[in-house]
Amino acid sequence: MRINLTYCIYHASKASKVFPVSAFSKIESRYPSVNDINKRHKFSLVLPHKTTPVKGIPDLIQKPPYAFTGVVGPKPLDIDIKTEEQIAVMRDTCQLARKILDSAGRHLKVGVTTDEIDELVHQMCIDNGAYPSPLMYNHFPKSICTSVNNVACHGIPDLRPLEEGDLINVDITIYKNGVHGDVSKTYLIGAVDEKGRQLVEVTEKCLYAGIAQCRPGQKFLAIGTAIRDLAKANGFSVIPAFCGHGIGHEFHTPPDIVHIPLDGCESQHVTMKEGMTFTIEPILSEGTDMIAILEDDGWTALSEDGSRSAQFEHTVLITSGGCEILTISEEELKRERKKKDA
């Protein structure tokens, strides 16, 4: 079992029961009934589909070391405090990642495959002189993660066409000028039922509730507490097996950012300091917080009971007066300012 693209924090098997699944037929046997779920919840249960070959990257594009071998080096031990020069580069890379995400989002509709979205993002990265960070990270075969309906995280883009009522998270990270920028968003495909819309809305609110806790001197525990409390108040559960992470010259660095308080997790007691950059990326479920990792690909994280999930993510910088969201769009920035002024 591997949970790699977003660090699996502090013994994930303790945080939410993780069940490895080795055959497609076994996935269906774990769920009460594929047809029953499809009928009852008015959305399609997503099972693995065919994928296309790994795409190449031109030699002129700057690449992270793992791009050549698929092997990721040891996780750094120390939390990196960025200089003003490093922050400026991070800001540019993060904004490019956001523009690519927004462009991908505009192409999402019924009938489009996640493989087509992956191809679009792959080419946009190349056109902008960037490397798609997920590609070859511990041998991940695609340039983005696309997680649909009951796929909680790390879904591999494939040839399944999107359907009316789907929820899809598109997770994009790019590498340019020696740094990574990471952002994701969950989109609604066509008409989505009320509970699905609420799940997506509350998940985004949870992200911003966590961000609201970010300032110098604050413990990282405050992020997970705020997210858990808001999710619970709305009847949703937080999947604890995945967490945010430090980010910069490396894709994943300390600290691990837990989205729910966890006994024994040391990183949640670390104090935020000016110059830290990290991601907050909660995953909420309308059902269980338990997941199953598909052993056939080592990546796809499925909800253990077939329930849907949603995820939103930003890369955040701790500033002297609070924080800056490096991956925020102009539209989101205006919306959040209106909320503060209200």
Protein backbone atom coordinates (compact mmCIF):
# COMPACT_ATOMS: atom_id res chain seq x y z
CA MET A 1 0.00 0.00 0.00
CA ARG A 2 1.34 3.42 -0.95
CA ILE A 3 -0.13 6.83 -0.24
CA ASN A 4 2.43 9.12 -1.71
CA LEU A 5 1.40 12.20 -3.67
CA THR A 6 0.07 13.92 -0.58
CA TYR A 7 1.93 12.59 2.46
CA CYS A 8 0.01 10.00 4.43
CA ILE A 9 0.46 11.37 7.90
CA TYR A 10 1.28 9.63 11.13
CA HIS A 11 0.27 6.03 10.57
CA ALA A 12 -2.71 6.63 8.29
CA SER A 13 -4.02 3.18 9.11
CA LYS A 14 -4.73 4.48 12.60
CA ALA A 15 -6.29 7.70 11.39
CA SER A 16 -8.75 6.07 9.01
CA LYS A 17 -8.85 2.37 8.29
CA VAL A 18 -7.03 1.76 5.02
CA PHE A 19 -7.98 -1.35 3.09
CA PRO A 20 -5.73 -2.41 0.19
CA VAL A 21 -7.75 -3.68 -2.77
CA SER A 22 -5.96 -5.85 -5.32
CA ALA A 23 -8.57 -6.67 -7.96
CA PHE A 24 -11.31 -4.68 -9.64
CA SER A 25 -13.88 -7.34 -8.80
CA LYS A 26 -13.04 -6.98 -5.13
CA ILE A 27 -13.87 -3.29 -5.25
CA GLU A 28 -17.40 -4.06 -6.31
CA SER A 29 -17.74 -6.71 -3.61
CA ARG A 30 -16.83 -4.14 -0.94
CA TYR A 31 -19.69 -1.86 -1.90
CA PRO A 32 -23.26 -2.85 -0.96
CA SER A 33 -24.30 -2.84 -4.61
CA VAL A 34 -22.97 -0.80 -7.50
CA ASN A 35 -26.40 -0.56 -9.09
CA ASP A 36 -28.02 0.25 -5.76
CA ILE A 37 -25.58 3.08 -5.11
CA ASN A 38 -26.07 4.47 -8.61
CA LYS A 39 -29.85 4.42 -8.23
CA ARG A 40 -30.06 5.55 -4.62
CA HIS A 41 -27.64 8.44 -4.83
CA LYS A 42 -28.16 9.45 -8.47
CA PHE A 43 -24.47 9.32 -9.29
CA SER A 44 -22.26 6.71 -10.89
CA LEU A 45 -19.86 4.66 -8.83
CA VAL A 46 -16.44 5.06 -10.42
CA LEU A 47 -14.33 1.97 -11.06
CA PRO A 48 -10.97 1.90 -12.88
CA HIS A 49 -10.99 2.40 -16.66
CA LYS A 50 -8.38 2.08 -19.38
CA THR A 51 -5.56 4.61 -19.43
CA THR A 52 -3.25 5.94 -22.13
CA PRO A 53 0.57 5.74 -22.17
CA VAL A 54 2.78 8.09 -20.16
CA LYS A 55 3.45 11.35 -21.98
CA GLY A 56 6.92 12.80 -22.46
CA ILE A 57 8.30 16.24 -21.60
CA PRO A 58 10.66 18.20 -23.90
CA ASP A 59 14.30 18.31 -22.86
CA LEU A 60 14.27 22.10 -22.57
CA ILE A 61 11.76 22.04 -19.68
CA GLN A 62 13.42 22.21 -16.24
CA LYS A 63 12.57 19.03 -14.32
CA PRO A 64 12.66 17.90 -10.69
CA PRO A 65 15.13 15.05 -10.02
CA TYR A 66 12.45 12.34 -9.77
CA ALA A 67 11.30 13.05 -13.33
CA PHE A 68 14.19 10.98 -14.67
CA THR A 69 13.91 7.92 -12.39
CA GLY A 70 10.47 7.97 -10.80
CA VAL A 71 12.24 7.74 -7.44
CA VAL A 72 11.65 10.45 -4.84
CA GLY A 73 14.50 11.24 -2.47
CA PRO A 74 14.23 11.33 1.33
CA LYS A 75 11.80 13.83 2.78
CA PRO A 76 13.67 16.86 4.18
CA LEU A 77 13.81 17.01 7.96
CA ASP A 78 13.59 20.76 8.50
CA ILE A 79 10.86 23.29 7.78
CA ASP A 80 12.06 25.70 5.11
CA ILE A 81 11.69 29.44 5.76
CA LYS A 82 11.54 31.26 2.42
CA THR A 83 13.45 34.42 1.55
CA GLU A 84 11.76 37.34 -0.23
CA GLU A 85 13.36 36.21 -3.49
CA GLN A 86 12.10 32.65 -3.06
CA ILE A 87 8.62 33.91 -2.19
CA ALA A 88 8.50 35.97 -5.39
CA VAL A 89 9.30 32.88 -7.46
CA MET A 90 6.77 30.79 -5.52
CA ARG A 91 4.11 33.44 -6.09
CA ASP A 92 4.64 33.36 -9.86
CA THR A 93 4.63 29.56 -10.03
CA CYS A 94 1.53 29.28 -7.87
CA GLN A 95 -0.36 31.81 -9.98
CA LEU A 96 0.53 29.90 -13.14
CA ALA A 97 -0.73 26.69 -11.52
CA ARG A 98 -3.98 28.47 -10.74
CA LYS A 99 -4.41 29.74 -14.30
CA ILE A 100 -3.88 26.23 -15.64
CA LEU A 101 -6.43 24.83 -13.17
CA ASP A 102 -9.01 27.43 -14.17
CA SER A 103 -8.45 26.66 -17.84
CA ALA A 104 -8.88 22.94 -17.18
CA GLY A 105 -12.06 23.65 -15.24
CA ARG A 106 -13.60 25.44 -18.22
CA HIS A 107 -13.22 22.27 -20.31
CA LEU A 108 -15.06 20.01 -17.86
CA LYS A 109 -18.43 18.83 -19.16
CA VAL A 110 -20.46 15.68 -19.76
CA GLY A 111 -18.70 13.37 -22.23
CA VAL A 112 -15.17 14.69 -21.69
CA THR A 113 -12.70 12.14 -20.32
CA THR A 114 -10.28 12.86 -17.51
CA ASP A 115 -7.52 11.73 -19.88
CA GLU A 116 -8.44 14.64 -22.17
CA ILE A 117 -8.13 17.05 -19.23
CA ASP A 118 -4.76 15.53 -18.36
CA GLU A 119 -3.58 16.01 -21.95
CA LEU A 120 -4.76 19.62 -21.90
CA VAL A 121 -2.92 20.40 -18.66
CA HIS A 122 0.18 18.52 -19.83
CA GLN A 123 0.38 20.69 -22.94
CA MET A 124 -0.35 23.91 -21.05
CA CYS A 125 2.53 23.15 -18.70
CA ILE A 126 4.88 22.66 -21.65
CA ASP A 127 3.61 25.82 -23.38
CA ASN A 128 4.37 27.79 -20.21
CA GLY A 129 7.79 26.26 -19.59
CA ALA A 130 6.64 24.26 -16.57
CA TYR A 131 6.84 20.61 -15.55
CA PRO A 132 3.66 18.86 -14.27
CA SER A 133 4.86 17.83 -10.80
CA PRO A 134 2.79 14.62 -10.36
CA LEU A 135 4.28 13.05 -13.50
CA MET A 136 6.72 10.28 -12.47
CA TYR A 137 6.50 11.23 -8.78
CA ASN A 138 7.00 7.74 -7.35
CA HIS A 139 6.11 6.58 -10.87
CA PHE A 140 2.70 8.32 -10.97
CA PRO A 141 1.78 7.97 -14.66
CA LYS A 142 -0.10 11.21 -15.35
CA SER A 143 0.31 14.97 -15.11
CA ILE A 144 -2.67 15.63 -12.80
CA CYS A 145 -4.90 13.79 -10.36
CA THR A 146 -8.61 13.55 -11.18
CA SER A 147 -10.81 12.10 -8.44
CA VAL A 148 -14.44 11.47 -9.38
CA ASN A 149 -17.34 10.69 -7.00
CA ASN A 150 -16.24 7.79 -4.76
CA VAL A 151 -12.54 8.31 -5.58
CA ALA A 152 -11.35 10.28 -2.57
CA CYS A 153 -7.87 11.16 -3.78
CA HIS A 154 -5.10 10.43 -6.30
CA GLY A 155 -7.38 9.31 -9.11
CA ILE A 156 -5.46 8.53 -12.30
CA PRO A 157 -6.89 10.19 -15.44
CA ASP A 158 -8.46 7.61 -17.74
CA LEU A 159 -10.87 7.10 -20.64
CA ARG A 160 -14.11 7.17 -18.62
CA PRO A 161 -16.34 9.99 -19.94
CA LEU A 162 -17.67 12.35 -17.29
CA GLU A 163 -21.37 11.91 -16.59
CA GLU A 164 -24.23 14.15 -15.53
CA GLY A 165 -24.13 14.55 -11.75
CA ASP A 166 -20.44 13.72 -11.28
CA LEU A 167 -18.24 15.49 -8.76
CA ILE A 168 -14.63 15.77 -9.91
CA ASN A 169 -11.59 17.10 -8.11
CA VAL A 170 -8.79 18.30 -10.37
CA ASP A 171 -5.46 18.52 -8.52
CA ILE A 172 -2.69 20.41 -10.30
CA THR A 173 0.90 20.97 -9.22
CA ILE A 174 3.54 22.49 -11.46
CA TYR A 175 7.30 22.93 -11.20
CA LYS A 176 8.89 26.06 -12.65
CA ASN A 177 12.01 28.05 -11.84
CA GLY A 178 12.96 25.47 -9.23
CA VAL A 179 9.78 25.55 -7.12
CA HIS A 180 6.41 23.79 -6.99
CA GLY A 181 2.92 25.34 -6.79
CA ASP A 182 -0.05 23.18 -5.74
CA VAL A 183 -3.80 23.83 -6.06
CA SER A 184 -7.01 21.83 -6.49
CA LYS A 185 -10.75 22.33 -6.80
CA THR A 186 -13.86 20.16 -6.97
CA TYR A 187 -16.22 20.84 -9.87
CA LEU A 188 -19.87 19.94 -10.51
CA ILE A 189 -20.65 18.23 -13.82
CA GLY A 190 -24.11 19.18 -15.02
CA ALA A 191 -26.99 18.88 -12.58
CA VAL A 192 -25.79 17.61 -9.18
CA ASP A 193 -28.14 16.61 -6.36
CA GLU A 194 -28.53 18.86 -3.32
CA LYS A 195 -26.36 16.75 -1.02
CA GLY A 196 -23.55 16.69 -3.55
CA ARG A 197 -23.70 20.46 -3.95
CA GLN A 198 -23.68 20.89 -0.18
CA LEU A 199 -20.66 18.58 0.16
CA VAL A 200 -18.69 20.68 -2.31
CA GLU A 201 -19.77 23.98 -0.74
CA VAL A 202 -18.91 22.90 2.81
CA THR A 203 -15.54 21.48 1.73
CA GLU A 204 -14.52 24.82 0.25
CA LYS A 205 -15.70 26.59 3.40
CA CYS A 206 -13.59 24.17 5.45
CA LEU A 207 -10.53 25.09 3.40
CA TYR A 208 -11.05 28.77 4.14
CA ALA A 209 -11.81 28.04 7.80
CA GLY A 210 -8.40 26.40 8.02
CA ILE A 211 -6.71 29.26 6.19
CA ALA A 212 -8.31 31.75 8.60
CA GLN A 213 -6.21 30.19 11.38
CA CYS A 214 -2.92 30.89 9.61
CA ARG A 215 -0.69 33.50 11.21
CA PRO A 216 2.65 33.71 13.02
CA GLY A 217 2.58 32.17 16.49
CA GLN A 218 -0.41 29.91 15.78
CA LYS A 219 -0.17 26.13 16.18
CA PHE A 220 -0.93 24.03 13.11
CA LEU A 221 -3.43 22.17 15.27
CA ALA A 222 -5.79 25.13 14.84
CA ILE A 223 -6.18 24.34 11.14
CA GLY A 224 -7.37 20.78 11.71
CA THR A 225 -9.63 21.80 14.59
CA ALA A 226 -11.40 24.46 12.52
CA ILE A 227 -11.88 22.10 9.57
CA ARG A 228 -13.15 19.23 11.72
CA ASP A 229 -15.62 21.40 13.62
CA LEU A 230 -17.16 22.91 10.49
CA ALA A 231 -17.37 19.57 8.69
CA LYS A 232 -18.97 17.88 11.69
CA ALA A 233 -21.50 20.70 12.14
CA ASN A 234 -22.67 20.07 8.58
CA GLY A 235 -22.87 16.29 8.86
CA PHE A 236 -19.72 15.41 6.92
CA SER A 237 -16.56 13.55 7.95
CA VAL A 238 -12.95 14.52 7.29
CA ILE A 239 -10.74 11.82 5.76
CA PRO A 240 -7.65 11.81 8.01
CA ALA A 241 -5.40 9.62 5.86
CA PHE A 242 -4.29 12.55 3.72
CA CYS A 243 -2.76 15.83 4.77
CA GLY A 244 -1.28 19.03 3.47
CA HIS A 245 2.47 19.58 3.38
CA GLY A 246 5.25 22.08 3.18
CA ILE A 247 6.17 22.99 -0.38
CA GLY A 248 8.86 24.90 -2.25
CA HIS A 249 11.98 23.55 -3.95
CA GLU A 250 10.66 20.09 -3.02
CA PHE A 251 7.13 18.87 -3.77
CA HIS A 252 6.62 17.64 -0.20
CA THR A 253 8.45 18.95 2.85
CA PRO A 254 7.69 19.37 6.56
CA PRO A 255 5.40 20.20 8.19
CA ASP A 256 2.53 17.77 7.62
CA ILE A 257 -0.74 19.73 7.83
CA VAL A 258 -3.42 17.57 9.45
CA HIS A 259 -7.04 18.37 8.64
CA ILE A 260 -8.38 16.85 11.84
CA PRO A 261 -6.73 16.69 15.29
CA LEU A 262 -4.86 13.39 15.68
CA ASP A 263 -3.42 11.96 18.88
CA GLY A 264 0.33 11.49 18.61
CA CYS A 265 0.83 13.67 15.53
CA GLU A 266 3.75 15.94 16.42
CA SER A 267 3.49 18.27 13.43
CA GLN A 268 0.17 19.71 14.61
CA HIS A 269 1.96 21.21 17.61
CA VAL A 270 4.51 23.10 15.48
CA THR A 271 4.18 26.90 15.54
CA MET A 272 3.68 28.82 12.30
CA LYS A 273 6.41 31.29 11.38
CA GLU A 274 6.72 34.03 8.79
CA GLY A 275 8.14 32.65 5.54
CA MET A 276 6.63 29.17 5.80
CA THR A 277 4.81 27.90 2.71
CA PHE A 278 2.49 24.90 2.82
CA THR A 279 -0.71 23.44 1.42
CA ILE A 280 -4.07 23.00 3.09
CA GLU A 281 -6.20 20.44 1.23
CA PRO A 282 -9.05 18.88 3.24
CA ILE A 283 -11.06 15.96 1.85
CA LEU A 284 -14.61 15.67 3.16
CA SER A 285 -16.81 12.59 2.78
CA GLU A 286 -20.58 12.29 2.85
CA GLY A 287 -20.13 8.84 4.42
CA THR A 288 -17.29 6.97 6.09
CA ASP A 289 -13.79 8.37 6.55
CA MET A 290 -12.33 4.95 5.66
CA ILE A 291 -10.54 4.47 2.35
CA ALA A 292 -9.30 1.61 0.20
CA ILE A 293 -6.10 1.91 -1.83
CA LEU A 294 -6.19 0.14 -5.18
CA GLU A 295 -3.14 -2.11 -5.22
CA ASP A 296 -3.27 -2.48 -9.00
CA ASP A 297 -2.01 1.08 -9.43
CA GLY A 298 -0.84 1.87 -5.89
CA TRP A 299 -2.50 5.27 -5.97
CA THR A 300 -6.27 5.38 -6.34
CA ALA A 301 -7.93 6.00 -2.95
CA LEU A 302 -11.55 4.85 -2.90
CA SER A 303 -14.13 5.52 -0.22
CA GLU A 304 -14.67 2.23 1.58
CA ASP A 305 -18.47 2.52 1.45
CA GLY A 306 -18.86 4.04 -2.02
CA SER A 307 -19.71 7.51 -0.75
CA ARG A 308 -18.63 10.67 -2.54
CA SER A 309 -15.97 13.07 -1.38
CA ALA A 310 -14.80 16.56 -2.27
CA GLN A 311 -11.49 18.37 -1.89
CA PHE A 312 -10.17 21.92 -2.22
CA GLU A 313 -6.56 23.05 -1.90
CA HIS A 314 -4.48 26.20 -1.71
CA THR A 315 -0.79 26.92 -1.23
CA VAL A 316 -0.41 29.37 1.67
CA LEU A 317 2.40 31.70 2.79
CA ILE A 318 2.71 32.87 6.39
CA THR A 319 3.31 36.64 6.43
CA SER A 320 4.12 39.07 9.22
CA GLY A 321 0.46 40.05 9.51
CA GLY A 322 -1.24 36.73 8.82
CA CYS A 323 -1.09 34.81 5.56
CA GLU A 324 -1.25 35.11 1.80
CA ILE A 325 -2.99 32.57 -0.44
CA LEU A 326 -0.50 32.10 -3.25
CA THR A 327 -2.85 30.09 -5.49
CA ILE A 328 -5.97 32.25 -5.14
CA SER A 329 -7.73 33.50 -8.27
CA GLU A 330 -8.86 37.10 -8.77
CA GLU A 331 -12.48 35.96 -8.54
CA GLU A 332 -11.91 34.17 -5.24
CA LEU A 333 -9.92 37.09 -3.86
CA LYS A 334 -12.78 39.50 -4.56
CA ARG A 335 -15.27 37.08 -3.01
CA GLU A 336 -13.25 36.65 0.17
CA ARG A 337 -12.74 40.41 0.51
CA LYS A 338 -16.49 40.94 0.24
CA LYS A 339 -17.05 38.44 3.04
CA LYS A 340 -14.60 40.28 5.29
CA ASP A 341 -16.22 43.64 4.54
CA ALA A 342 -19.74 42.34 5.19
